[in-house]
């Protein structure tokens, strides 16, 4: 059953990625092309999902918004995983660093994340846009903010994993032979916690996309000329009565990505737990 969930999540995620990456190669309309004569049009052969208030094709904008939302999710996940893995491994290997790093993690966990993101987005939006350009600056801002406020859960999970590994015969033998810390981490610790890293990565993507959607829905993410699923949901909400598809389609895709990532994460967690149980049983038999 766990394999079915993992395969279902991976298949759904693969289908969404294929839709947003390969779709523009097959669909002739661009996300910014306006046809003022076809504003607020319903579904048709020319526009299968209709158009928005400026005559822009909603199918093209969904594909473009998916590329941006998925890129933001994966970039934020990478930042969160990098910071969380560093903190978790350091706390798990060093008893001296364990207490201060975990108190720092508790401090970040107690912060109200969404208001903090709103304040940071307001303060740093203009400087980053001026430095890197409007789209690149906002991408760095949104992905960086989400990643830097999402590293705490991976840090706590990996700290427990590494703390258990640090007492294993493998790590004790590596220390007794004088293996340097970077080599120990690369050869022994990272391969052993790869399953937990995969779980944290899968769930982090879902969390990051949902957070980006919340920011864009509140009007502090990407602007209206840069399509993202959260922005499309924000723009479509006022038209729920007359054109419900404008909000329902991006909302459905956001939910589908979150579901796919959750299924993948649950399956990876089950497989990692099964591998650890098998390893313990093998040690007991020996």
Protein backbone atom coordinates (compact mmCIF):
# COMPACT_ATOMS: atom_id res chain seq x y z
CA UNK A 1 0.00 0.00 0.00
CA UNK A 2 2.84 2.39 0.84
CA UNK A 3 4.39 1.72 -2.61
CA UNK A 4 1.09 2.53 -4.29
CA UNK A 5 0.93 5.86 -2.50
CA UNK A 6 4.51 6.67 -3.44
CA UNK A 7 3.96 5.74 -7.09
CA UNK A 8 0.65 7.62 -7.19
CA UNK A 9 2.27 10.74 -5.74
CA UNK A 10 5.23 10.47 -8.11
CA UNK A 11 2.96 9.90 -11.10
CA UNK A 12 0.77 12.88 -10.21
CA UNK A 13 3.78 15.12 -9.66
CA UNK A 14 5.32 13.93 -12.92
CA UNK A 15 2.11 14.68 -14.81
CA UNK A 16 1.97 18.21 -13.38
CA UNK A 17 5.62 18.86 -14.20
CA UNK A 18 5.08 17.54 -17.73
CA UNK A 19 2.04 19.80 -18.10
CA UNK A 20 3.88 22.97 -17.13
CA UNK A 21 7.12 22.18 -18.98
CA UNK A 22 5.98 20.43 -22.16
CA UNK A 23 2.60 22.15 -22.47
CA UNK A 24 4.00 25.46 -23.80
CA UNK A 25 5.78 23.56 -26.58
CA UNK A 26 2.43 22.31 -27.85
CA UNK A 27 0.20 25.30 -27.09
CA UNK A 28 0.66 28.25 -29.46
CA UNK A 29 -0.56 31.05 -27.20
CA UNK A 30 1.70 32.80 -24.70
CA UNK A 31 0.71 33.78 -21.16
CA UNK A 32 1.06 37.52 -21.85
CA UNK A 33 -0.67 37.68 -25.25
CA UNK A 34 -3.74 39.87 -24.96
CA UNK A 35 -6.85 39.69 -27.11
CA UNK A 36 -9.07 42.52 -25.94
CA UNK A 37 -11.84 41.36 -28.23
CA UNK A 38 -11.99 38.07 -26.32
CA UNK A 39 -11.96 39.41 -22.76
CA UNK A 40 -13.73 37.29 -20.15
CA UNK A 41 -14.46 34.62 -22.75
CA UNK A 42 -15.70 31.22 -21.72
CA UNK A 43 -14.29 27.87 -22.71
CA UNK A 44 -13.88 27.37 -26.45
CA UNK A 45 -11.62 25.59 -28.93
CA UNK A 46 -9.44 28.69 -29.13
CA UNK A 47 -9.31 29.08 -25.32
CA UNK A 48 -10.17 25.75 -23.61
CA UNK A 49 -10.15 27.35 -20.14
CA UNK A 50 -11.38 30.77 -21.23
CA UNK A 51 -9.62 34.12 -20.90
CA UNK A 52 -9.13 36.70 -18.17
CA UNK A 53 -10.19 40.33 -18.04
CA UNK A 54 -7.40 41.31 -20.45
CA UNK A 55 -8.06 38.54 -22.93
CA UNK A 56 -5.07 36.44 -21.88
CA UNK A 57 -5.43 32.69 -22.36
CA UNK A 58 -5.95 30.98 -19.01
CA UNK A 59 -4.42 27.66 -20.11
CA UNK A 60 -1.18 29.40 -21.08
CA UNK A 61 -1.16 31.36 -17.83
CA UNK A 62 -1.71 28.19 -15.79
CA UNK A 63 1.30 26.56 -17.46
CA UNK A 64 3.47 29.66 -16.95
CA UNK A 65 2.26 30.04 -13.37
CA UNK A 66 3.05 26.40 -12.69
CA UNK A 67 6.63 26.81 -13.83
CA UNK A 68 7.11 29.74 -11.48
CA UNK A 69 5.31 28.15 -8.53
CA UNK A 70 7.17 24.84 -8.87
CA UNK A 71 10.51 26.62 -9.30
CA UNK A 72 9.78 28.67 -6.19
CA UNK A 73 8.80 25.56 -4.25
CA UNK A 74 11.91 23.60 -5.21
CA UNK A 75 14.23 26.57 -4.59
CA UNK A 76 12.69 27.28 -1.17
CA UNK A 77 12.91 23.58 -0.32
CA UNK A 78 16.60 23.55 -1.24
CA UNK A 79 17.29 26.54 1.03
CA UNK A 80 15.31 25.04 3.92
CA UNK A 81 16.96 21.64 3.51
CA UNK A 82 20.45 23.13 3.32
CA UNK A 83 19.99 25.19 6.49
CA UNK A 84 18.02 22.48 8.30
CA UNK A 85 20.52 19.75 7.44
CA UNK A 86 23.42 21.90 8.62
CA UNK A 87 21.75 22.71 11.92
CA UNK A 88 20.47 19.15 12.46
CA UNK A 89 23.81 17.47 11.71
CA UNK A 90 25.75 19.94 13.86
CA UNK A 91 23.34 19.51 16.78
CA UNK A 92 23.32 15.73 16.43
CA UNK A 93 27.11 15.36 16.37
CA UNK A 94 28.06 17.96 18.98
CA UNK A 95 26.60 17.93 22.48
CA UNK A 96 28.09 21.38 23.02
CA UNK A 97 26.15 22.84 20.08
CA UNK A 98 23.01 20.79 20.62
CA UNK A 99 21.35 22.93 23.27
CA UNK A 100 21.94 26.39 21.68
CA UNK A 101 20.99 25.19 18.19
CA UNK A 102 17.80 23.55 19.43
CA UNK A 103 16.87 26.67 21.40
CA UNK A 104 17.42 28.68 18.21
CA UNK A 105 15.16 26.24 16.39
CA UNK A 106 12.50 26.59 19.08
CA UNK A 107 12.75 30.38 18.77
CA UNK A 108 12.11 30.25 15.02
CA UNK A 109 9.27 27.78 15.52
CA UNK A 110 7.58 30.21 17.91
CA UNK A 111 7.69 33.11 15.44
CA UNK A 112 4.48 33.98 13.54
CA UNK A 113 5.70 33.00 10.08
CA UNK A 114 3.11 34.63 7.83
CA UNK A 115 3.25 38.12 9.44
CA UNK A 116 7.05 37.87 9.41
CA UNK A 117 6.99 37.02 5.71
CA UNK A 118 4.65 39.91 4.99
CA UNK A 119 6.93 42.40 6.78
CA UNK A 120 10.08 41.06 5.08
CA UNK A 121 8.44 41.07 1.65
CA UNK A 122 7.41 44.70 2.15
CA UNK A 123 10.89 45.77 3.29
CA UNK A 124 13.06 43.93 0.75
CA UNK A 125 10.89 43.83 -2.36
CA UNK A 126 12.09 47.13 -3.85
CA UNK A 127 15.85 46.73 -3.12
CA UNK A 128 16.00 43.21 -4.58
CA UNK A 129 13.93 44.18 -7.62
CA UNK A 130 16.30 47.10 -8.26
CA UNK A 131 19.37 44.89 -7.83
CA UNK A 132 18.36 41.78 -9.80
CA UNK A 133 15.38 42.91 -11.87
CA UNK A 134 11.68 42.65 -11.10
CA UNK A 135 11.10 38.94 -11.74
CA UNK A 136 14.48 37.60 -10.55
CA UNK A 137 14.46 39.84 -7.48
CA UNK A 138 10.99 38.75 -6.45
CA UNK A 139 11.87 35.11 -7.07
CA UNK A 140 14.94 35.39 -4.82
CA UNK A 141 12.91 37.23 -2.19
CA UNK A 142 9.97 34.81 -2.09
CA UNK A 143 12.00 31.59 -2.33
CA UNK A 144 14.61 32.84 0.15
CA UNK A 145 12.06 34.01 2.70
CA UNK A 146 10.07 30.79 2.55
CA UNK A 147 13.22 28.68 2.78
CA UNK A 148 14.67 30.65 5.70
CA UNK A 149 11.45 30.28 7.67
CA UNK A 150 10.95 26.56 6.92
CA UNK A 151 14.21 24.90 8.00
CA UNK A 152 13.16 24.10 11.56
CA UNK A 153 11.25 20.85 10.95
CA UNK A 154 14.07 19.25 8.89
CA UNK A 155 16.58 20.36 11.52
CA UNK A 156 14.70 18.64 14.36
CA UNK A 157 14.11 15.46 12.35
CA UNK A 158 17.73 15.18 11.21
CA UNK A 159 19.08 16.03 14.65
CA UNK A 160 17.36 12.95 16.06
CA UNK A 161 18.58 10.80 13.18
CA UNK A 162 22.18 11.96 13.53
CA UNK A 163 22.11 11.67 17.33
CA UNK A 164 21.19 8.00 16.98
CA UNK A 165 23.84 7.44 14.30
CA UNK A 166 26.54 9.08 16.42
CA UNK A 167 26.20 6.20 18.90
CA UNK A 168 26.45 3.49 16.24
CA UNK A 169 29.46 1.23 15.77
CA UNK A 170 30.01 2.67 12.30
CA UNK A 171 30.56 6.22 13.54
CA UNK A 172 32.60 5.06 16.54
CA UNK A 173 34.88 3.09 14.23
CA UNK A 174 35.25 6.10 11.92
CA UNK A 175 36.19 8.32 14.84
CA UNK A 176 38.67 5.78 16.21
CA UNK A 177 40.48 5.64 12.87
CA UNK A 178 40.84 9.42 12.78
CA UNK A 179 38.35 10.08 9.98
CA UNK A 180 37.85 13.82 9.54
CA UNK A 181 34.42 15.28 10.19
CA UNK A 182 33.65 16.32 6.56
CA UNK A 183 34.60 12.84 5.34
CA UNK A 184 32.53 11.20 8.08
CA UNK A 185 29.51 13.28 7.13
CA UNK A 186 29.90 12.59 3.42
CA UNK A 187 30.67 8.87 3.64
CA UNK A 188 28.56 7.71 6.57
CA UNK A 189 26.01 10.23 7.82
CA UNK A 190 24.48 11.64 4.61
CA UNK A 191 23.90 8.18 3.03
CA UNK A 192 22.31 6.98 6.27
CA UNK A 193 19.88 9.91 6.49
CA UNK A 194 19.09 10.04 2.76
CA UNK A 195 15.59 8.67 3.38
CA UNK A 196 14.78 11.37 5.93
CA UNK A 197 16.21 14.01 3.60
CA UNK A 198 13.89 12.76 0.86
CA UNK A 199 10.88 12.96 3.16
CA UNK A 200 11.79 16.49 4.24
CA UNK A 201 12.34 17.53 0.62
CA UNK A 202 8.99 16.17 -0.59
CA UNK A 203 7.01 17.76 2.23
CA UNK A 204 9.04 20.98 1.95
CA UNK A 205 8.04 21.46 -1.69
CA UNK A 206 4.36 21.21 -0.80
CA UNK A 207 4.72 23.60 2.13
CA UNK A 208 6.69 26.12 0.05
CA UNK A 209 4.17 26.17 -2.79
CA UNK A 210 1.31 26.66 -0.34
CA UNK A 211 3.19 29.51 1.36
CA UNK A 212 3.97 31.18 -1.99
CA UNK A 213 0.31 30.88 -2.90
CA UNK A 214 -0.68 32.51 0.39
CA UNK A 215 1.71 35.41 -0.18
CA UNK A 216 0.50 35.94 -3.74
CA UNK A 217 -3.12 35.60 -2.64
CA UNK A 218 -2.52 38.40 -0.13
CA UNK A 219 -0.99 40.55 -2.87
CA UNK A 220 2.60 40.45 -1.54
CA UNK A 221 4.01 37.74 -3.78
CA UNK A 222 4.48 38.06 -7.51
CA UNK A 223 2.75 41.00 -9.27
CA UNK A 224 -0.08 40.65 -11.77
CA UNK A 225 2.18 40.68 -14.84
CA UNK A 226 4.12 37.63 -13.52
CA UNK A 227 1.83 34.62 -13.42
CA UNK A 228 1.98 32.17 -10.53
CA UNK A 229 -0.73 29.85 -9.28
CA UNK A 230 -1.15 31.91 -6.14
CA UNK A 231 -1.43 35.11 -8.16
CA UNK A 232 -3.97 33.54 -10.52
CA UNK A 233 -5.99 32.37 -7.52
CA UNK A 234 -5.87 35.91 -6.10
CA UNK A 235 -7.02 37.42 -9.40
CA UNK A 236 -9.74 34.84 -9.95
CA UNK A 237 -11.37 35.04 -6.53
CA UNK A 238 -13.43 38.20 -7.27
CA UNK A 239 -14.87 36.46 -10.36
CA UNK A 240 -16.00 33.26 -8.64
CA UNK A 241 -19.64 34.05 -9.36
CA UNK A 242 -19.24 34.74 -13.07
CA UNK A 243 -16.07 32.83 -14.04
CA UNK A 244 -15.34 30.26 -11.29
CA UNK A 245 -12.69 28.46 -13.35
CA UNK A 246 -10.25 31.34 -12.92
CA UNK A 247 -9.90 30.51 -9.23
CA UNK A 248 -10.79 26.82 -9.28
CA UNK A 249 -8.15 25.71 -11.78
CA UNK A 250 -5.11 27.23 -10.03
CA UNK A 251 -6.53 26.16 -6.67
CA UNK A 252 -6.94 22.59 -7.94
CA UNK A 253 -3.36 22.50 -9.24
CA UNK A 254 -1.99 23.83 -5.95
CA UNK A 255 -3.95 21.15 -4.09
CA UNK A 256 -2.76 18.47 -6.53
CA UNK A 257 0.90 19.37 -6.01
CA UNK A 258 0.45 19.40 -2.23
CA UNK A 259 -1.29 16.00 -2.40
CA UNK A 260 1.40 14.51 -4.66
CA UNK A 261 4.24 15.74 -2.46
CA UNK A 262 2.48 14.49 0.69
CA UNK A 263 1.93 11.03 -0.81
CA UNK A 264 5.56 10.87 -1.89
CA UNK A 265 6.76 12.03 1.53
CA UNK A 266 4.58 9.51 3.38
CA UNK A 267 5.79 6.69 1.16
CA UNK A 268 9.43 7.66 1.59
CA UNK A 269 8.94 7.90 5.35
CA UNK A 270 7.44 4.41 5.45
CA UNK A 271 10.23 2.98 3.35
CA UNK A 272 12.89 4.67 5.47
CA UNK A 273 11.25 3.34 8.66
CA UNK A 274 11.10 -0.14 7.18
CA UNK A 275 14.77 0.03 6.23
CA UNK A 276 15.75 1.08 9.74
CA UNK A 277 13.71 -1.76 11.28
CA UNK A 278 15.32 -4.28 8.95
CA UNK A 279 18.78 -2.99 9.84
CA UNK A 280 18.04 -3.28 13.58
CA UNK A 281 16.74 -6.81 13.15
CA UNK A 282 19.83 -7.78 11.19
CA UNK A 283 22.08 -6.42 13.96
CA UNK A 284 20.13 -8.35 16.59
CA UNK A 285 20.43 -11.56 14.61
CA UNK A 286 24.17 -11.12 14.36
